[in-house]
Amino acid sequence: MQLHNGRSKNGINWEIDNQRISFICDDPEIGNFIYGYDPRVCWIEDRYYVTWCNCYHGPTIGVGYTYDFKEFYQLENAFLPFNRNGVLFPRKIKGKYAILSRPSDNRHTPFGDIFYSESSDICHWGKHRHVMSPRGRWQSTKIGAGPIPIETIEGWLLIYHGVLTSCNGFVYSMGAALLDIDEPWKVLYRTEPYLLSPQELYECVGDTPNVVFPCAALCDAPTGRIAIYYGGADTVTCLAFTQVDEIVIVKEYYYERRASWVKSFAIAASVVVVVAIGSVFGVRYLKQYYPAGDIAMVAEEKAVAEEATREEVLMEEEALPTEESAEEPALAMEVDEEAISEGAIHESVYPLEEGTTVREHIEDIIFSYKG
């Protein structure tokens, strides 16, 4: 597995270079790595930084940069082995570069928490802080950061993967968390259910079965639409759409966890998924999720809420027409089939705040390609 350069005018149809990226590196011992995969690309100040899972006596986090996607320069590895899922923040925080990572081992890690580190020169990293741990059900075994965090007025929106150990092996799903804007190691809110889990054939069958692995996200500031690129079964690249507000605004549904300042939130949004398998595209919906908390922690509060909900439902049913032909409310958002068929998507820009200029091209985004 190596890193190859890819270009696209619409974010869906890609041209991948046959030749792997050749990094310019002062130290050949660092530059001659055996494999590279799971890359992330992050624009900071005046250049594009690239992080990936690099092989240096075991998996670690490689770091490089480019100005034009023609010449690439490799820096020192960010950490000692073993570490993965290196994700940079799109701007300095309190004057320092910031990165998320997941310390691991040399195999299919059966554990893993997300950590935060900072650096003044993007080579020497320190002030390591714990961000969050696995937390039951779909994310009970390990977790890892996904795309570059998206800056919002509510905090840093982090899309991440969580892993469940089943009788059939690991199952990778997608979730989200909201981190404090000034101290990103502090988690403000976190999804209780998953956003997306492997259900379709292309997510369940492949080189690594049962995998939904988010690695890149493009967000349009004016509309708030997010395009999330994720790996399906480590075999195909898939694309899902959602809205920033549909994820962030549901913080009102959180339940407080006892003996902890960490809050969790549930998702009440429909996500449209466009799947790329060669030149064939399929569209499906992610079912809606409703407020749900940690049963062990909030059983009493949940019972009260459910009783109130039942009373509201009864009142609504009494007001509804009695005809059997009454239509049920739709659970999924309408899809602009024409826009999807034309491959129309919005591009990315950080931060998401008023007055931000939208970058008008996404021609050069790096993808991991099995050469």
Protein backbone atom coordinates (compact mmCIF):
# COMPACT_ATOMS: atom_id res chain seq x y z
CA MET A 1 0.00 0.00 0.00
CA GLN A 2 1.37 3.35 -1.06
CA LEU A 3 0.23 6.96 -1.41
CA HIS A 4 -0.86 8.15 -4.85
CA ASN A 5 -2.00 11.57 -6.04
CA GLY A 6 -5.63 11.93 -7.13
CA ARG A 7 -7.49 14.74 -8.94
CA SER A 8 -11.17 15.48 -9.37
CA LYS A 9 -13.27 18.37 -10.70
CA ASN A 10 -16.49 17.30 -9.00
CA GLY A 11 -15.36 15.24 -6.01
CA ILE A 12 -16.84 12.02 -7.38
CA ASN A 13 -14.95 11.12 -10.56
CA TRP A 14 -11.25 10.76 -9.82
CA GLU A 15 -8.07 10.36 -11.84
CA ILE A 16 -5.41 8.54 -9.81
CA ASP A 17 -1.73 8.76 -10.78
CA ASN A 18 -0.18 5.37 -11.51
CA GLN A 19 3.10 6.32 -9.88
CA ARG A 20 3.30 6.55 -6.12
CA ILE A 21 4.17 9.86 -4.50
CA SER A 22 7.92 10.29 -4.16
CA PHE A 23 8.66 12.42 -1.11
CA ILE A 24 11.70 14.67 -0.93
CA CYS A 25 13.32 13.84 2.41
CA ASP A 26 16.61 14.84 4.01
CA ASP A 27 16.96 11.47 5.75
CA PRO A 28 16.59 8.38 3.52
CA GLU A 29 16.00 6.20 6.56
CA ILE A 30 12.73 8.06 7.13
CA GLY A 31 11.92 8.50 3.45
CA ASN A 32 12.19 4.85 2.41
CA PHE A 33 9.05 3.64 4.14
CA ILE A 34 7.53 0.29 3.20
CA TYR A 35 3.88 1.22 3.19
CA GLY A 36 1.54 4.17 3.69
CA TYR A 37 -2.21 4.28 4.09
CA ASP A 38 -5.16 6.20 5.62
CA PRO A 39 -3.85 9.65 4.56
CA ARG A 40 -5.43 12.94 5.64
CA VAL A 41 -4.81 16.29 3.92
CA CYS A 42 -5.01 19.53 5.91
CA TRP A 43 -4.52 23.12 4.72
CA ILE A 44 -2.65 25.17 7.37
CA GLU A 45 -1.52 28.73 6.68
CA ASP A 46 0.34 28.42 3.35
CA ARG A 47 0.56 24.74 2.47
CA TYR A 48 -1.17 21.36 2.48
CA TYR A 49 0.04 19.01 5.19
CA VAL A 50 -0.34 15.27 4.73
CA THR A 51 -0.43 12.73 7.55
CA TRP A 52 -0.65 8.97 7.05
CA CYS A 53 0.01 5.65 8.74
CA ASN A 54 3.69 5.14 7.99
CA CYS A 55 5.89 2.09 8.47
CA TYR A 56 9.02 2.73 10.51
CA HIS A 57 9.72 -0.45 12.47
CA GLY A 58 5.99 -0.66 12.95
CA PRO A 59 3.09 1.69 12.29
CA THR A 60 3.63 5.34 13.14
CA ILE A 61 2.41 8.70 11.84
CA GLY A 62 4.16 10.10 8.79
CA VAL A 63 4.06 13.85 8.14
CA GLY A 64 4.73 15.71 4.90
CA TYR A 65 3.60 18.77 2.98
CA THR A 66 3.15 20.18 -0.51
CA TYR A 67 2.41 23.55 -2.05
CA ASP A 68 1.23 22.39 -5.47
CA PHE A 69 0.63 18.61 -5.32
CA LYS A 70 3.59 18.15 -7.64
CA GLU A 71 6.47 18.13 -5.17
CA PHE A 72 6.05 16.57 -1.73
CA TYR A 73 8.37 17.02 1.23
CA GLN A 74 8.55 14.55 4.10
CA LEU A 75 9.25 15.61 7.69
CA GLU A 76 10.18 13.51 10.69
CA ASN A 77 7.61 11.00 11.88
CA ALA A 78 5.37 12.55 14.51
CA PHE A 79 5.69 9.76 17.09
CA LEU A 80 7.52 6.55 17.91
CA PRO A 81 5.88 3.31 16.87
CA PHE A 82 3.19 2.32 17.51
CA ASN A 83 0.67 4.98 16.57
CA ARG A 84 -2.04 5.55 13.96
CA ASN A 85 -4.83 7.90 12.90
CA GLY A 86 -2.82 11.13 12.95
CA VAL A 87 -5.22 14.01 12.25
CA LEU A 88 -4.08 17.65 12.23
CA PHE A 89 -6.29 20.60 13.18
CA PRO A 90 -6.74 23.12 10.32
CA ARG A 91 -5.22 26.02 12.27
CA LYS A 92 -2.90 26.61 15.19
CA ILE A 93 -4.47 26.54 18.64
CA LYS A 94 -2.96 29.03 21.07
CA GLY A 95 -0.02 29.42 18.70
CA LYS A 96 0.72 25.69 18.42
CA TYR A 97 0.12 23.05 15.77
CA ALA A 98 -2.31 20.45 17.09
CA ILE A 99 -2.82 16.78 16.24
CA LEU A 100 -5.00 13.87 17.31
CA SER A 101 -3.59 10.34 17.36
CA ARG A 102 -4.33 6.83 18.59
CA PRO A 103 -1.46 4.91 20.23
CA SER A 104 -1.66 1.25 19.21
CA ASP A 105 0.39 -1.91 18.76
CA ASN A 106 1.94 -3.72 15.80
CA ARG A 107 -1.15 -5.74 14.90
CA HIS A 108 -4.92 -5.32 14.70
CA THR A 109 -5.06 -3.30 17.89
CA PRO A 110 -7.73 -4.60 20.33
CA PHE A 111 -7.64 -1.29 22.24
CA GLY A 112 -7.21 2.41 21.59
CA ASP A 113 -8.04 5.89 22.90
CA ILE A 114 -7.77 9.26 21.14
CA PHE A 115 -5.05 11.65 22.38
CA TYR A 116 -4.24 15.31 21.68
CA SER A 117 -0.69 16.67 21.22
CA GLU A 118 0.79 20.03 20.26
CA SER A 119 3.96 21.28 18.58
CA SER A 120 5.67 24.57 17.78
CA ASP A 121 7.43 23.23 14.66
CA ILE A 122 5.20 20.26 13.57
CA CYS A 123 8.17 17.92 14.24
CA HIS A 124 8.51 17.78 18.03
CA TRP A 125 5.26 16.90 19.79
CA GLY A 126 4.37 17.18 23.45
CA LYS A 127 1.79 18.24 26.04
CA HIS A 128 -0.12 15.04 25.38
CA ARG A 129 -3.71 15.06 26.63
CA HIS A 130 -6.33 12.32 26.71
CA VAL A 131 -9.42 13.12 24.63
CA MET A 132 -11.76 10.14 24.88
CA SER A 133 -11.96 6.37 25.30
CA PRO A 134 -14.09 3.55 23.88
CA ARG A 135 -17.57 3.65 25.33
CA GLY A 136 -19.76 0.60 24.84
CA ARG A 137 -21.70 -0.96 22.02
CA TRP A 138 -20.52 0.07 18.53
CA GLN A 139 -17.39 1.82 19.94
CA SER A 140 -16.57 -0.57 22.77
CA THR A 141 -13.18 -1.89 21.58
CA LYS A 142 -11.30 1.13 20.22
CA ILE A 143 -11.81 4.50 18.56
CA GLY A 144 -9.80 6.75 16.25
CA ALA A 145 -10.05 10.22 14.72
CA GLY A 146 -11.32 10.43 11.15
CA PRO A 147 -11.34 13.52 8.89
CA ILE A 148 -9.81 16.90 9.74
CA PRO A 149 -11.93 18.50 12.53
CA ILE A 150 -14.45 21.08 11.30
CA GLU A 151 -14.50 24.40 13.16
CA THR A 152 -17.98 25.61 14.10
CA ILE A 153 -19.27 28.27 16.51
CA GLU A 154 -20.18 25.42 18.89
CA GLY A 155 -16.71 23.83 18.88
CA TRP A 156 -14.62 21.44 16.80
CA LEU A 157 -16.81 18.86 15.06
CA LEU A 158 -14.87 15.60 15.00
CA ILE A 159 -16.04 12.65 12.93
CA TYR A 160 -14.42 9.46 14.18
CA HIS A 161 -14.60 5.68 13.88
CA GLY A 162 -15.50 3.25 16.62
CA VAL A 163 -14.92 -0.50 16.68
CA LEU A 164 -17.01 -3.33 18.11
CA THR A 165 -15.56 -6.82 18.56
CA SER A 166 -18.14 -9.31 17.31
CA CYS A 167 -18.05 -13.09 16.89
CA ASN A 168 -17.16 -12.35 13.26
CA GLY A 169 -14.30 -9.97 14.04
CA PHE A 170 -14.06 -6.18 14.22
CA VAL A 171 -16.94 -3.98 13.05
CA TYR A 172 -16.03 -0.36 12.19
CA SER A 173 -18.73 2.33 12.43
CA MET A 174 -18.82 6.14 12.23
CA GLY A 175 -19.70 8.59 15.01
CA ALA A 176 -19.14 12.25 15.91
CA ALA A 177 -18.05 14.38 18.85
CA LEU A 178 -17.93 18.10 19.62
CA LEU A 179 -14.64 19.30 21.16
CA ASP A 180 -13.97 22.52 23.04
CA ILE A 181 -12.77 25.22 20.65
CA ASP A 182 -9.83 26.37 22.82
CA GLU A 183 -9.04 23.12 24.65
CA PRO A 184 -9.86 20.38 22.13
CA TRP A 185 -8.96 17.58 24.53
CA LYS A 186 -12.20 18.38 26.35
CA VAL A 187 -15.22 16.59 24.86
CA LEU A 188 -18.42 18.61 25.07
CA TYR A 189 -20.79 16.19 23.35
CA ARG A 190 -20.52 12.77 21.79
CA THR A 191 -22.80 10.51 19.76
CA GLU A 192 -24.48 7.72 21.66
CA PRO A 193 -25.69 5.83 18.56
CA TYR A 194 -23.52 5.54 15.46
CA LEU A 195 -23.98 7.78 12.44
CA LEU A 196 -23.23 5.04 9.95
CA SER A 197 -22.42 1.34 10.28
CA PRO A 198 -21.60 -1.36 7.72
CA GLN A 199 -24.89 -2.62 6.29
CA GLU A 200 -24.51 -2.60 2.51
CA LEU A 201 -22.72 -5.37 0.63
CA TYR A 202 -19.77 -3.14 -0.33
CA GLU A 203 -19.28 -2.27 3.37
CA CYS A 204 -19.61 -5.84 4.64
CA VAL A 205 -17.66 -7.78 2.00
CA GLY A 206 -14.14 -6.97 0.84
CA ASP A 207 -10.49 -7.07 1.88
CA THR A 208 -11.50 -6.24 5.46
CA PRO A 209 -15.18 -7.08 6.08
CA ASN A 210 -17.58 -4.88 8.05
CA VAL A 211 -15.79 -1.54 7.76
CA VAL A 212 -17.04 2.05 7.54
CA PHE A 213 -13.85 4.11 7.96
CA PRO A 214 -14.15 7.93 7.55
CA CYS A 215 -10.96 9.61 6.38
CA ALA A 216 -11.86 12.92 4.69
CA ALA A 217 -14.64 15.52 4.89
CA LEU A 218 -15.37 18.52 2.68
CA CYS A 219 -17.66 21.17 4.12
CA ASP A 220 -19.26 24.11 2.34
CA ALA A 221 -19.42 27.11 4.70
CA PRO A 222 -22.51 28.90 3.25
CA THR A 223 -24.71 25.79 3.16
CA GLY A 224 -23.13 23.75 5.96
CA ARG A 225 -23.25 20.59 3.87
CA ILE A 226 -20.59 17.98 4.65
CA ALA A 227 -19.35 15.40 2.16
CA ILE A 228 -17.73 12.54 4.08
CA TYR A 229 -15.41 10.14 2.25
CA TYR A 230 -15.07 6.76 3.91
CA GLY A 231 -13.60 3.37 3.14
CA GLY A 232 -16.02 0.49 2.61
CA ALA A 233 -14.57 -2.88 3.68
CA ASP A 234 -11.09 -1.50 2.86
CA THR A 235 -11.97 -2.08 -0.80
CA VAL A 236 -14.04 0.83 -2.18
CA THR A 237 -14.25 4.56 -1.47
CA CYS A 238 -17.73 5.76 -0.49
CA LEU A 239 -19.29 9.18 -0.07
CA ALA A 240 -21.94 10.31 2.43
CA PHE A 241 -23.68 13.69 2.77
CA THR A 242 -25.10 15.42 5.84
CA GLN A 243 -25.40 18.93 7.33
CA VAL A 244 -23.31 20.51 10.10
CA ASP A 245 -26.42 21.81 11.86
CA GLU A 246 -28.07 18.39 11.83
CA ILE A 247 -25.17 17.04 13.87
CA VAL A 248 -24.31 20.00 16.09
CA ILE A 249 -27.83 21.18 16.99
CA VAL A 250 -28.80 17.86 18.54
CA LYS A 251 -26.72 18.71 21.59
CA GLU A 252 -30.04 19.69 23.17
CA TYR A 253 -30.78 15.97 23.46
CA TYR A 254 -27.76 15.12 25.59
CA TYR A 255 -27.91 13.27 28.89
CA GLU A 256 -25.41 14.09 31.62
CA ARG A 257 -23.27 11.20 32.77
CA ARG A 258 -22.84 10.93 36.52
CA ALA A 259 -19.35 11.56 37.89
CA SER A 260 -18.28 12.98 34.53
CA TRP A 261 -18.49 16.28 32.66
CA VAL A 262 -18.70 14.40 29.37
CA LYS A 263 -22.13 14.68 27.73
CA SER A 264 -23.54 12.51 24.97
CA PHE A 265 -25.91 13.42 22.22
CA ALA A 266 -28.10 11.44 19.83
CA ILE A 267 -28.48 12.05 16.14
CA ALA A 268 -31.83 13.03 14.61
CA ALA A 269 -30.69 13.58 11.04
CA SER A 270 -31.05 11.77 7.72
CA VAL A 271 -27.80 11.16 5.87
CA VAL A 272 -27.76 10.53 2.13
CA VAL A 273 -25.04 8.10 1.06
CA VAL A 274 -23.62 8.00 -2.46
CA VAL A 275 -21.45 4.96 -3.03
CA ALA A 276 -18.68 4.81 -5.60
CA ILE A 277 -17.94 1.34 -7.00
CA GLY A 278 -15.99 1.85 -10.20
CA SER A 279 -18.24 4.04 -12.32
CA VAL A 280 -21.47 2.88 -10.65
CA PHE A 281 -23.17 5.04 -8.02
CA GLY A 282 -25.88 3.97 -5.61
CA VAL A 283 -27.94 6.10 -3.25
CA ARG A 284 -29.28 5.08 0.13
CA TYR A 285 -30.50 6.68 3.33
CA LEU A 286 -29.25 6.42 6.86
CA LYS A 287 -32.23 5.81 9.12
CA GLN A 288 -33.20 8.53 11.56
CA TYR A 289 -32.07 8.38 15.16
CA TYR A 290 -33.99 9.81 18.07
CA PRO A 291 -32.85 11.02 21.52
CA ALA A 292 -31.40 8.11 23.49
CA GLY A 293 -29.06 8.16 26.43
CA ASP A 294 -27.00 5.80 28.53
CA ILE A 295 -29.64 3.52 30.08
CA ALA A 296 -27.44 2.61 33.02
CA MET A 297 -26.93 6.26 33.91
CA VAL A 298 -30.26 7.86 33.09
CA ALA A 299 -32.90 5.15 33.49
CA GLU A 300 -35.17 7.29 35.64
CA GLU A 301 -34.89 10.39 33.44
CA LYS A 302 -35.49 8.30 30.34
CA ALA A 303 -38.62 6.69 31.80
CA VAL A 304 -40.07 10.11 32.55
CA ALA A 305 -39.23 11.33 29.04
CA GLU A 306 -40.78 8.24 27.43
CA GLU A 307 -43.99 8.66 29.42
CA ALA A 308 -44.23 12.29 28.31
CA THR A 309 -43.60 11.21 24.71
CA ARG A 310 -46.36 8.59 24.89
CA GLU A 311 -48.81 11.20 26.14
CA GLU A 312 -47.87 13.53 23.28
CA VAL A 313 -48.29 10.71 20.75
CA LEU A 314 -51.76 9.87 22.11
CA MET A 315 -52.78 13.52 21.85
CA GLU A 316 -51.48 13.71 18.28
CA GLU A 317 -53.28 10.49 17.30
CA GLU A 318 -56.57 11.85 18.59
CA ALA A 319 -56.14 14.87 16.33
CA LEU A 320 -55.26 12.85 13.21
CA PRO A 321 -57.80 11.86 10.49
CA THR A 322 -59.29 8.41 10.98
CA GLU A 323 -59.07 7.36 7.31
CA GLU A 324 -56.91 4.30 6.76
CA SER A 325 -55.31 6.04 3.83
CA ALA A 326 -53.70 8.74 5.97
CA GLU A 327 -50.08 9.16 4.96
CA GLU A 328 -47.28 8.44 7.41
CA PRO A 329 -44.67 11.15 7.98
CA ALA A 330 -41.58 10.69 5.85
CA LEU A 331 -38.44 9.69 7.73
CA ALA A 332 -35.95 10.55 5.03
CA MET A 333 -34.91 13.78 3.41
CA GLU A 334 -35.68 14.31 -0.29
CA VAL A 335 -32.81 13.62 -2.67
CA ASP A 336 -31.92 15.76 -5.65
CA GLU A 337 -31.33 12.83 -8.02
CA GLU A 338 -30.28 15.13 -10.87
CA ALA A 339 -27.61 16.81 -8.74
CA ILE A 340 -26.25 13.45 -7.60
CA SER A 341 -26.20 12.07 -11.16
CA GLU A 342 -24.21 15.11 -12.26
CA GLY A 343 -21.76 14.56 -9.40
CA ALA A 344 -22.42 17.95 -7.83
CA ILE A 345 -20.90 18.45 -4.38
CA HIS A 346 -19.70 21.41 -2.36
CA GLU A 347 -16.07 21.94 -1.52
CA SER A 348 -14.33 22.35 1.79
CA VAL A 349 -13.29 25.40 3.76
CA TYR A 350 -12.15 25.98 7.33
CA PRO A 351 -13.17 27.54 9.61
CA LEU A 352 -16.95 27.54 9.34
CA GLU A 353 -17.73 31.10 10.25
CA GLU A 354 -19.24 34.15 8.64
CA GLY A 355 -17.01 35.85 6.09
CA THR A 356 -15.01 32.71 5.26
CA THR A 357 -13.95 32.42 1.62
CA VAL A 358 -14.88 29.13 -0.04
CA ARG A 359 -12.06 27.45 -1.90
CA GLU A 360 -13.34 26.91 -5.42
CA HIS A 361 -11.49 23.72 -6.26
CA ILE A 362 -10.67 20.36 -4.76
CA GLU A 363 -8.60 19.09 -7.66
CA ASP A 364 -5.83 17.64 -5.55
CA ILE A 365 -6.72 15.35 -2.71
CA ILE A 366 -4.59 12.39 -1.78
CA PHE A 367 -6.07 8.94 -1.46
CA SER A 368 -4.44 5.72 -0.40
CA TYR A 369 -4.22 3.41 -3.41
CA LYS A 370 -3.21 -0.20 -3.43
CA GLY A 371 -0.50 -0.33 -6.05
